[in-house]
Structure formats: structure tokens, C-alpha cells
C-alpha atoms as a PDB file:
ATOM      1  CA  UNK A   1       0.000   0.000   0.000  1.00  0.00           C
ATOM      2  CA  UNK A   2       0.982   3.622  -0.433  1.00  0.00           C
ATOM      3  CA  UNK A   3       0.347   7.019   1.075  1.00  0.00           C
ATOM      4  CA  UNK A   4       0.720   9.955  -1.311  1.00  0.00           C
ATOM      5  CA  UNK A   5      -0.771  13.375  -0.551  1.00  0.00           C
ATOM      6  CA  UNK A   6      -0.970  16.469  -2.718  1.00  0.00           C
ATOM      7  CA  UNK A   7      -2.217  19.797  -1.337  1.00  0.00           C
ATOM      8  CA  UNK A   8      -3.119  22.897  -3.366  1.00  0.00           C
ATOM      9  CA  UNK A   9      -3.002  26.332  -1.732  1.00  0.00           C
ATOM     10  CA  UNK A  10      -3.131  29.894  -3.012  1.00  0.00           C
ATOM     11  CA  UNK A  11       0.621  30.207  -2.532  1.00  0.00           C
ATOM     12  CA  UNK A  12       1.756  26.841  -3.812  1.00  0.00           C
ATOM     13  CA  UNK A  13       1.702  23.064  -3.576  1.00  0.00           C
ATOM     14  CA  UNK A  14       2.782  20.473  -1.020  1.00  0.00           C
ATOM     15  CA  UNK A  15       3.406  16.821  -1.819  1.00  0.00           C
ATOM     16  CA  UNK A  16       4.185  14.013   0.639  1.00  0.00           C
ATOM     17  CA  UNK A  17       4.925  10.415  -0.311  1.00  0.00           C
ATOM     18  CA  UNK A  18       5.890   7.372   1.734  1.00  0.00           C
ATOM     19  CA  UNK A  19       8.505   4.984   0.344  1.00  0.00           C
ATOM     20  CA  UNK A  20       7.506   1.517   1.592  1.00  0.00           C
ATOM     21  CA  UNK A  21       7.227  -1.245  -1.005  1.00  0.00           C
ATOM     22  CA  UNK A  22       5.833  -4.629   0.100  1.00  0.00           C
ATOM     23  CA  UNK A  23       5.995  -7.824  -1.933  1.00  0.00           C
ATOM     24  CA  UNK A  24       4.886 -10.766   0.174  1.00  0.00           C
ATOM     25  CA  UNK A  25       7.166 -10.762   3.211  1.00  0.00           C
ATOM     26  CA  UNK A  26       9.787  -8.643   1.447  1.00  0.00           C
ATOM     27  CA  UNK A  27       9.763  -4.959   2.411  1.00  0.00           C
ATOM     28  CA  UNK A  28      11.957  -2.414   0.643  1.00  0.00           C
ATOM     29  CA  UNK A  29      12.241   1.351   0.267  1.00  0.00           C
ATOM     30  CA  UNK A  30      11.662   2.903  -3.133  1.00  0.00           C
ATOM     31  CA  UNK A  31      10.947   6.422  -4.293  1.00  0.00           C
ATOM     32  CA  UNK A  32       7.369   7.076  -5.452  1.00  0.00           C
ATOM     33  CA  UNK A  33       7.729  10.712  -6.536  1.00  0.00           C
ATOM     34  CA  UNK A  34       9.488  11.965  -9.656  1.00  0.00           C
ATOM     35  CA  UNK A  35      10.320  15.590 -10.439  1.00  0.00           C
ATOM     36  CA  UNK A  36      10.593  16.991 -13.971  1.00  0.00           C
ATOM     37  CA  UNK A  37      11.895  20.505 -14.664  1.00  0.00           C
ATOM     38  CA  UNK A  38      13.595  22.448 -17.430  1.00  0.00           C
ATOM     39  CA  UNK A  39      13.877  25.957 -15.985  1.00  0.00           C
ATOM     40  CA  UNK A  40      10.582  27.303 -17.308  1.00  0.00           C
ATOM     41  CA  UNK A  41       8.362  24.329 -16.525  1.00  0.00           C
ATOM     42  CA  UNK A  42       8.112  22.377 -13.299  1.00  0.00           C
ATOM     43  CA  UNK A  43       6.043  19.351 -12.273  1.00  0.00           C
ATOM     44  CA  UNK A  44       6.051  16.349  -9.963  1.00  0.00           C
ATOM     45  CA  UNK A  45       4.331  12.968 -10.221  1.00  0.00           C
ATOM     46  CA  UNK A  46       3.443  10.747  -7.250  1.00  0.00           C
ATOM     47  CA  UNK A  47       2.104   7.259  -7.868  1.00  0.00           C
ATOM     48  CA  UNK A  48       0.209   4.458  -6.162  1.00  0.00           C
ATOM     49  CA  UNK A  49      -0.182   0.989  -7.640  1.00  0.00           C
ATOM     50  CA  UNK A  50       1.838  -1.856  -9.087  1.00  0.00           C
ATOM     51  CA  UNK A  51       5.545  -1.027  -9.020  1.00  0.00           C
ATOM     52  CA  UNK A  52       6.237  -2.559 -12.423  1.00  0.00           C
ATOM     53  CA  UNK A  53       3.486  -0.475 -14.019  1.00  0.00           C
ATOM     54  CA  UNK A  54       4.719   2.680 -12.303  1.00  0.00           C
ATOM     55  CA  UNK A  55       8.338   2.195 -13.350  1.00  0.00           C
ATOM     56  CA  UNK A  56       7.417   1.537 -16.959  1.00  0.00           C
ATOM     57  CA  UNK A  57       5.008   4.485 -17.264  1.00  0.00           C
ATOM     58  CA  UNK A  58       7.477   6.880 -15.617  1.00  0.00           C
ATOM     59  CA  UNK A  59      10.276   5.650 -17.892  1.00  0.00           C
ATOM     60  CA  UNK A  60       8.146   6.275 -20.969  1.00  0.00           C
ATOM     61  CA  UNK A  61       7.233   9.748 -19.695  1.00  0.00           C
ATOM     62  CA  UNK A  62      10.872  10.599 -18.969  1.00  0.00           C
ATOM     63  CA  UNK A  63      11.655   9.817 -22.600  1.00  0.00           C
ATOM     64  CA  UNK A  64       9.008  12.335 -23.669  1.00  0.00           C
ATOM     65  CA  UNK A  65      10.556  15.115 -21.569  1.00  0.00           C
ATOM     66  CA  UNK A  66      14.236  14.147 -21.827  1.00  0.00           C
ATOM     67  CA  UNK A  67      15.019  17.125 -24.084  1.00  0.00           C
ATOM     68  CA  UNK A  68      12.821  19.554 -22.164  1.00  0.00           C
ATOM     69  CA  UNK A  69       9.140  19.577 -21.316  1.00  0.00           C
ATOM     70  CA  UNK A  70       7.318  19.995 -24.652  1.00  0.00           C
ATOM     71  CA  UNK A  71       4.014  21.114 -23.141  1.00  0.00           C
ATOM     72  CA  UNK A  72       2.740  24.611 -22.381  1.00  0.00           C
ATOM     73  CA  UNK A  73       0.124  23.777 -19.749  1.00  0.00           C
ATOM     74  CA  UNK A  74       0.131  21.177 -17.021  1.00  0.00           C
ATOM     75  CA  UNK A  75      -3.028  19.425 -18.207  1.00  0.00           C
ATOM     76  CA  UNK A  76      -1.182  18.594 -21.438  1.00  0.00           C
ATOM     77  CA  UNK A  77       1.556  16.869 -19.449  1.00  0.00           C
ATOM     78  CA  UNK A  78      -1.108  15.041 -17.423  1.00  0.00           C
ATOM     79  CA  UNK A  79      -2.690  13.853 -20.673  1.00  0.00           C
ATOM     80  CA  UNK A  80       0.728  12.684 -21.887  1.00  0.00           C
ATOM     81  CA  UNK A  81       1.378  10.699 -18.709  1.00  0.00           C
ATOM     82  CA  UNK A  82      -2.122   9.251 -18.933  1.00  0.00           C
ATOM     83  CA  UNK A  83      -1.304   8.050 -22.438  1.00  0.00           C
ATOM     84  CA  UNK A  84       1.771   6.283 -21.088  1.00  0.00           C
ATOM     85  CA  UNK A  85      -0.384   4.522 -18.484  1.00  0.00           C
ATOM     86  CA  UNK A  86      -2.723   3.359 -21.247  1.00  0.00           C
ATOM     87  CA  UNK A  87       0.291   2.269 -23.297  1.00  0.00           C
ATOM     88  CA  UNK A  88       1.526   0.109 -20.426  1.00  0.00           C
ATOM     89  CA  UNK A  89      -1.975  -1.298 -19.975  1.00  0.00           C
ATOM     90  CA  UNK A  90      -2.032  -2.445 -23.608  1.00  0.00           C
ATOM     91  CA  UNK A  91       1.376  -4.058 -23.175  1.00  0.00           C
ATOM     92  CA  UNK A  92       1.019  -5.693 -19.773  1.00  0.00           C
ATOM     93  CA  UNK A  93      -2.586  -5.832 -18.546  1.00  0.00           C
ATOM     94  CA  UNK A  94      -3.394  -9.267 -19.970  1.00  0.00           C
ATOM     95  CA  UNK A  95      -0.213 -10.826 -18.609  1.00  0.00           C
ATOM     96  CA  UNK A  96      -0.764  -9.266 -15.186  1.00  0.00           C
ATOM     97  CA  UNK A  97      -4.344 -10.563 -15.084  1.00  0.00           C
ATOM     98  CA  UNK A  98      -3.140 -14.048 -16.042  1.00  0.00           C
ATOM     99  CA  UNK A  99      -0.790 -13.920 -13.047  1.00  0.00           C
ATOM    100  CA  UNK A 100      -3.561 -12.794 -10.708  1.00  0.00           C
ATOM    101  CA  UNK A 101      -2.709  -9.076 -10.603  1.00  0.00           C
ATOM    102  CA  UNK A 102      -5.077  -6.214 -11.380  1.00  0.00           C
ATOM    103  CA  UNK A 103      -3.623  -3.425 -13.512  1.00  0.00           C
ATOM    104  CA  UNK A 104      -3.476  -0.455 -11.169  1.00  0.00           C
ATOM    105  CA  UNK A 105      -1.738   2.915 -11.240  1.00  0.00           C
ATOM    106  CA  UNK A 106      -3.127   6.137  -9.821  1.00  0.00           C
ATOM    107  CA  UNK A 107      -1.152   9.371  -9.754  1.00  0.00           C
ATOM    108  CA  UNK A 108      -1.110  12.871  -8.328  1.00  0.00           C
ATOM    109  CA  UNK A 109       0.459  15.419 -10.672  1.00  0.00           C
ATOM    110  CA  UNK A 110       1.264  18.939  -9.538  1.00  0.00           C
ATOM    111  CA  UNK A 111       3.220  21.910 -10.816  1.00  0.00           C
ATOM    112  CA  UNK A 112       3.122  24.845 -13.188  1.00  0.00           C
ATOM    113  CA  UNK A 113       4.103  25.090 -16.853  1.00  0.00           C
ATOM    114  CA  UNK A 114       4.975  28.267 -18.693  1.00  0.00           C
ATOM    115  CA  UNK A 115       1.450  29.114 -19.933  1.00  0.00           C
ATOM    116  CA  UNK A 116      -0.351  28.203 -16.711  1.00  0.00           C
ATOM    117  CA  UNK A 117      -1.636  31.298 -14.932  1.00  0.00           C
ATOM    118  CA  UNK A 118      -1.226  29.470 -11.628  1.00  0.00           C
ATOM    119  CA  UNK A 119       0.008  26.182 -10.207  1.00  0.00           C
ATOM    120  CA  UNK A 120      -2.233  23.137 -10.697  1.00  0.00           C
ATOM    121  CA  UNK A 121      -2.930  19.797  -9.025  1.00  0.00           C
ATOM    122  CA  UNK A 122      -4.461  16.781 -10.776  1.00  0.00           C
ATOM    123  CA  UNK A 123      -5.648  13.340  -9.699  1.00  0.00           C
ATOM    124  CA  UNK A 124      -5.034  10.812 -12.477  1.00  0.00           C
ATOM    125  CA  UNK A 125      -6.699   7.393 -12.630  1.00  0.00           C
ATOM    126  CA  UNK A 126      -5.565   4.037 -14.033  1.00  0.00           C
ATOM    127  CA  UNK A 127      -7.809   4.525 -17.066  1.00  0.00           C
ATOM    128  CA  UNK A 128      -5.883   7.672 -18.007  1.00  0.00           C
ATOM    129  CA  UNK A 129      -8.675  10.112 -17.140  1.00  0.00           C
ATOM    130  CA  UNK A 130      -8.235  12.842 -14.535  1.00  0.00           C
ATOM    131  CA  UNK A 131      -9.821  15.513 -12.382  1.00  0.00           C
ATOM    132  CA  UNK A 132      -8.308  18.867 -11.433  1.00  0.00           C
ATOM    133  CA  UNK A 133      -8.246  19.801  -7.760  1.00  0.00           C
ATOM    134  CA  UNK A 134      -9.714  23.292  -7.370  1.00  0.00           C
ATOM    135  CA  UNK A 135      -9.788  25.759  -4.507  1.00  0.00           C
ATOM    136  CA  UNK A 136     -12.299  24.440  -1.998  1.00  0.00           C
ATOM    137  CA  UNK A 137     -11.093  20.911  -2.707  1.00  0.00           C
ATOM    138  CA  UNK A 138      -7.645  21.354  -1.250  1.00  0.00           C
ATOM    139  CA  UNK A 139      -6.065  17.941  -1.408  1.00  0.00           C
ATOM    140  CA  UNK A 140      -5.890  14.503  -3.001  1.00  0.00           C
ATOM    141  CA  UNK A 141      -4.706  11.253  -1.425  1.00  0.00           C
ATOM    142  CA  UNK A 142      -3.889   8.041  -3.261  1.00  0.00           C
ATOM    143  CA  UNK A 143      -3.225   4.717  -1.596  1.00  0.00           C
ATOM    144  CA  UNK A 144      -4.164   4.317   2.053  1.00  0.00           C
ATOM    145  CA  UNK A 145      -6.438   7.305   2.466  1.00  0.00           C
ATOM    146  CA  UNK A 146      -8.836   6.462   5.287  1.00  0.00           C
ATOM    147  CA  UNK A 147      -7.071   7.512   8.470  1.00  0.00           C
ATOM    148  CA  UNK A 148      -5.374  10.688   7.264  1.00  0.00           C
ATOM    149  CA  UNK A 149      -8.315  12.755   6.084  1.00  0.00           C
ATOM    150  CA  UNK A 150      -9.739  13.997   9.373  1.00  0.00           C
ATOM    151  CA  UNK A 151      -7.073  16.552  10.241  1.00  0.00           C
ATOM    152  CA  UNK A 152      -6.874  17.801   6.642  1.00  0.00           C
ATOM    153  CA  UNK A 153     -10.628  18.332   6.488  1.00  0.00           C
ATOM    154  CA  UNK A 154     -10.558  20.303   9.735  1.00  0.00           C
ATOM    155  CA  UNK A 155      -7.592  22.614   9.179  1.00  0.00           C
ATOM    156  CA  UNK A 156      -6.935  23.139   5.474  1.00  0.00           C
ATOM    157  CA  UNK A 157      -8.335  25.880   3.284  1.00  0.00           C
ATOM    158  CA  UNK A 158      -6.960  27.798   0.304  1.00  0.00           C
ATOM    159  CA  UNK A 159      -5.381  30.445   2.554  1.00  0.00           C
ATOM    160  CA  UNK A 160      -3.424  27.976   4.668  1.00  0.00           C
ATOM    161  CA  UNK A 161       0.292  28.704   4.503  1.00  0.00           C
ATOM    162  CA  UNK A 162       2.629  26.211   2.883  1.00  0.00           C
ATOM    163  CA  UNK A 163       4.350  25.582   6.234  1.00  0.00           C
ATOM    164  CA  UNK A 164       1.066  24.909   8.011  1.00  0.00           C
ATOM    165  CA  UNK A 165      -0.067  22.639   5.173  1.00  0.00           C
ATOM    166  CA  UNK A 166       3.188  20.672   5.389  1.00  0.00           C
ATOM    167  CA  UNK A 167       2.690  20.314   9.137  1.00  0.00           C
ATOM    168  CA  UNK A 168      -0.893  19.096   8.670  1.00  0.00           C
ATOM    169  CA  UNK A 169       0.223  16.833   5.847  1.00  0.00           C
ATOM    170  CA  UNK A 170       2.834  15.176   8.022  1.00  0.00           C
ATOM    171  CA  UNK A 171       0.311  14.619  10.828  1.00  0.00           C
ATOM    172  CA  UNK A 172      -2.047  13.101   8.247  1.00  0.00           C
ATOM    173  CA  UNK A 173       0.723  10.732   7.137  1.00  0.00           C
ATOM    174  CA  UNK A 174       1.576   9.931  10.769  1.00  0.00           C
ATOM    175  CA  UNK A 175      -2.057   9.093  11.565  1.00  0.00           C
ATOM    176  CA  UNK A 176      -2.038   6.694   8.623  1.00  0.00           C
ATOM    177  CA  UNK A 177       1.308   5.210   9.635  1.00  0.00           C
ATOM    178  CA  UNK A 178       0.271   4.353  13.190  1.00  0.00           C
ATOM    179  CA  UNK A 179      -2.975   2.783  11.905  1.00  0.00           C
ATOM    180  CA  UNK A 180      -1.410   0.717   9.116  1.00  0.00           C
ATOM    181  CA  UNK A 181       1.597  -1.580   8.807  1.00  0.00           C
ATOM    182  CA  UNK A 182       2.089  -0.913   5.105  1.00  0.00           C
ATOM    183  CA  UNK A 183       2.815   2.847   5.237  1.00  0.00           C
ATOM    184  CA  UNK A 184       6.135   3.882   6.725  1.00  0.00           C
ATOM    185  CA  UNK A 185       9.147   6.196   6.766  1.00  0.00           C
ATOM    186  CA  UNK A 186      11.176   7.575   5.131  1.00  0.00           C
ATOM    187  CA  UNK A 187       8.925  10.126   3.449  1.00  0.00           C
ATOM    188  CA  UNK A 188       9.671  12.316   0.454  1.00  0.00           C
ATOM    189  CA  UNK A 189       8.440  15.909   0.538  1.00  0.00           C
ATOM    190  CA  UNK A 190       8.093  18.278  -2.421  1.00  0.00           C
ATOM    191  CA  UNK A 191       7.292  21.976  -2.129  1.00  0.00           C
ATOM    192  CA  UNK A 192       6.309  24.278  -4.972  1.00  0.00           C
ATOM    193  CA  UNK A 193       5.848  28.021  -4.433  1.00  0.00           C
ATOM    194  CA  UNK A 194       3.654  29.852  -6.933  1.00  0.00           C
ATOM    195  CA  UNK A 195       5.380  31.197 -10.064  1.00  0.00           C
ATOM    196  CA  UNK A 196       8.863  30.016  -9.049  1.00  0.00           C
ATOM    197  CA  UNK A 197       9.070  27.131 -11.562  1.00  0.00           C
ATOM    198  CA  UNK A 198      11.261  25.321  -9.055  1.00  0.00           C
ATOM    199  CA  UNK A 199      10.375  22.314  -6.913  1.00  0.00           C
ATOM    200  CA  UNK A 200      12.192  21.789  -3.615  1.00  0.00           C
ATOM    201  CA  UNK A 201      12.581  18.117  -2.725  1.00  0.00           C
ATOM    202  CA  UNK A 202      13.683  16.553   0.568  1.00  0.00           C
ATOM    203  CA  UNK A 203      13.565  13.201   2.377  1.00  0.00           C
ATOM    204  CA  UNK A 204      12.761  12.792   6.075  1.00  0.00           C
ATOM    205  CA  UNK A 205      13.703   9.784   8.194  1.00  0.00           C
ATOM    206  CA  UNK A 206      11.726   8.568  11.195  1.00  0.00           C
ATOM    207  CA  UNK A 207      14.177   9.862  13.785  1.00  0.00           C
ATOM    208  CA  UNK A 208      13.970  13.387  12.350  1.00  0.00           C
ATOM    209  CA  UNK A 209      10.216  13.582  12.851  1.00  0.00           C
ATOM    210  CA  UNK A 210       9.723  11.341  15.883  1.00  0.00           C
ATOM    211  CA  UNK A 211       9.714  14.378  18.266  1.00  0.00           C
ATOM    212  CA  UNK A 212       6.889  15.912  16.218  1.00  0.00           C
ATOM    213  CA  UNK A 213       4.917  12.673  16.300  1.00  0.00           C
ATOM    214  CA  UNK A 214       5.438  12.295  20.047  1.00  0.00           C
ATOM    215  CA  UNK A 215       4.404  15.897  20.729  1.00  0.00           C
ATOM    216  CA  UNK A 216       1.265  15.458  18.629  1.00  0.00           C
ATOM    217  CA  UNK A 217       0.301  12.318  20.561  1.00  0.00           C
ATOM    218  CA  UNK A 218       0.854  14.169  23.845  1.00  0.00           C
ATOM    219  CA  UNK A 219      -1.319  17.095  22.773  1.00  0.00           C
ATOM    220  CA  UNK A 220      -4.110  14.741  21.656  1.00  0.00           C
ATOM    221  CA  UNK A 221      -4.184  13.175  25.117  1.00  0.00           C
ATOM    222  CA  UNK A 222      -4.253  16.617  26.726  1.00  0.00           C
ATOM    223  CA  UNK A 223      -7.025  17.791  24.399  1.00  0.00           C
ATOM    224  CA  UNK A 224      -9.103  14.721  25.233  1.00  0.00           C
ATOM    225  CA  UNK A 225      -8.809  15.539  28.922  1.00  0.00           C
ATOM    226  CA  UNK A 226      -9.969  19.103  28.220  1.00  0.00           C
ATOM    227  CA  UNK A 227     -13.133  18.102  26.342  1.00  0.00           C
ATOM    228  CA  UNK A 228     -16.192  18.757  28.584  1.00  0.00           C
ATOM    229  CA  UNK A 229     -17.615  15.533  30.014  1.00  0.00           C
ATOM    230  CA  UNK A 230     -20.884  16.655  31.579  1.00  0.00           C
ATOM    231  CA  UNK A 231     -22.796  15.304  28.597  1.00  0.00           C
ATOM    232  CA  UNK A 232     -21.654  11.757  29.514  1.00  0.00           C
ATOM    233  CA  UNK A 233     -23.658  11.576  32.726  1.00  0.00           C
ATOM    234  CA  UNK A 234     -26.739  10.414  30.809  1.00  0.00           C
ATOM    235  CA  UNK A 235     -24.765   7.507  29.316  1.00  0.00           C
ATOM    236  CA  UNK A 236     -24.089   6.067  32.795  1.00  0.00           C
ATOM    237  CA  UNK A 237     -27.629   6.378  34.178  1.00  0.00           C
ATOM    238  CA  UNK A 238     -29.902   3.342  34.234  1.00  0.00           C
ATOM    239  CA  UNK A 239     -33.495   3.787  33.192  1.00  0.00           C
END
């Protein structure tokens, strides 16, 4: 399983991706985010699904942009990556099905190309179709999405700062991590600030962020103690 999160804000984009790959009892660490830039265009792709499908589709897309990104708007690049997913499906879907695997690759694509008036964020499906995340719909998660949504729904809006969004994004990942054994550190983080055409990419290990996780758990316990409990009296009364 995977946890990939993309957040769109007025001032930029935040992307967070775990790196755990599980195959039976074998667990490895592999990068799930790829960055593509040429100075005047900048985008990142995060993926969830079969590793072999992901690697092949990303390789095909890298060939398309190896001499510079030939697209003017991000949706054109999203269409191009979607075509590579469909290309891989034609090549491998039947063989995967015969081996008991379902063809599966979802992606989050974010960035800004030279003719985009602002940065964009897209959710791309295995079939090659996509939706654009708009203001008011601040984020997209692919992979293990159940446990990490609550904090994002409560604190994010279009005016949230990039730093606050990164903080909330990490806590969303951490909530997923402690509730699932198939999402784990290290995590890759990408930051894009509006109109810069430059993505900043970093990796965080567990020990770097353990103090944040511990502090968050402590504050949750304290907040629970502070919640009024008068309303519970009825629950303990017999009728």
C-alpha cells in the first residue's frame, strides 16, 4: 500500500509520499515521486499501484521530456502521462491478469508550466482520465487514504500557509502510519511556491520527525482531557 498526498493552496503546492514497497514478506524502500523541470516548466508525479506499471510508465514519460518539457500547460503533461499509463496497460494488462494481478496505477500530478496562470494539481486514474483539484477541494490522497483525512478536512483551506499545510500533511501521514503496517518512513516531501518554476525536494527519516509525532500524541491526550464531560452523565444512568 501507499500514502501519497498532494495539497493545493493559493501560494503553492505540497506533496508528501511514503517509500515503503511490500511484496509478500519482502519490504523495501523505493521512491514514489518523480520531479521533472527544465527551468521554465516544473512538475512532480506521485504514484500508487503496481511497481512494475509505475516504473514503466514513468520511464516512458521521462523519454518524452528528456530534451525539455514539450508542453505549455500542465493538463497537457497530465494527458501525456495518462497516455503512457494506457500504453503500459495495452502491453502488460493481460499478462498481469493471467498472473492474478489487477492493472493499477493512480497518480497525483502537480506543478506549473509556462502558460499556466497558476500552479495546478491533478488526480489521475488508471484509465488515463483525470480531475483537477480546485480551490475548496484542497487535497488529493492516493493509496491508504482512510485515516489521514480527518485533520486535513478540519484545518486546510486555500489560505493555509505552505508551512502549516506541510505540518498538517505530516500529521495526516503519521495518523495513517500508526494505523497501518504498510505505510512507513522515510517520506519524500516536495514543495512548490507559486510562479517560481522550481520544486524543492527533501527526504525525512523517522528519527527526524519522531519528536513531532510524540508531541502530537501528547497534545491529543491533553485535548481529550480538556473536552467537557458533563454530557456523559446520561450515558451512565440506568433507566
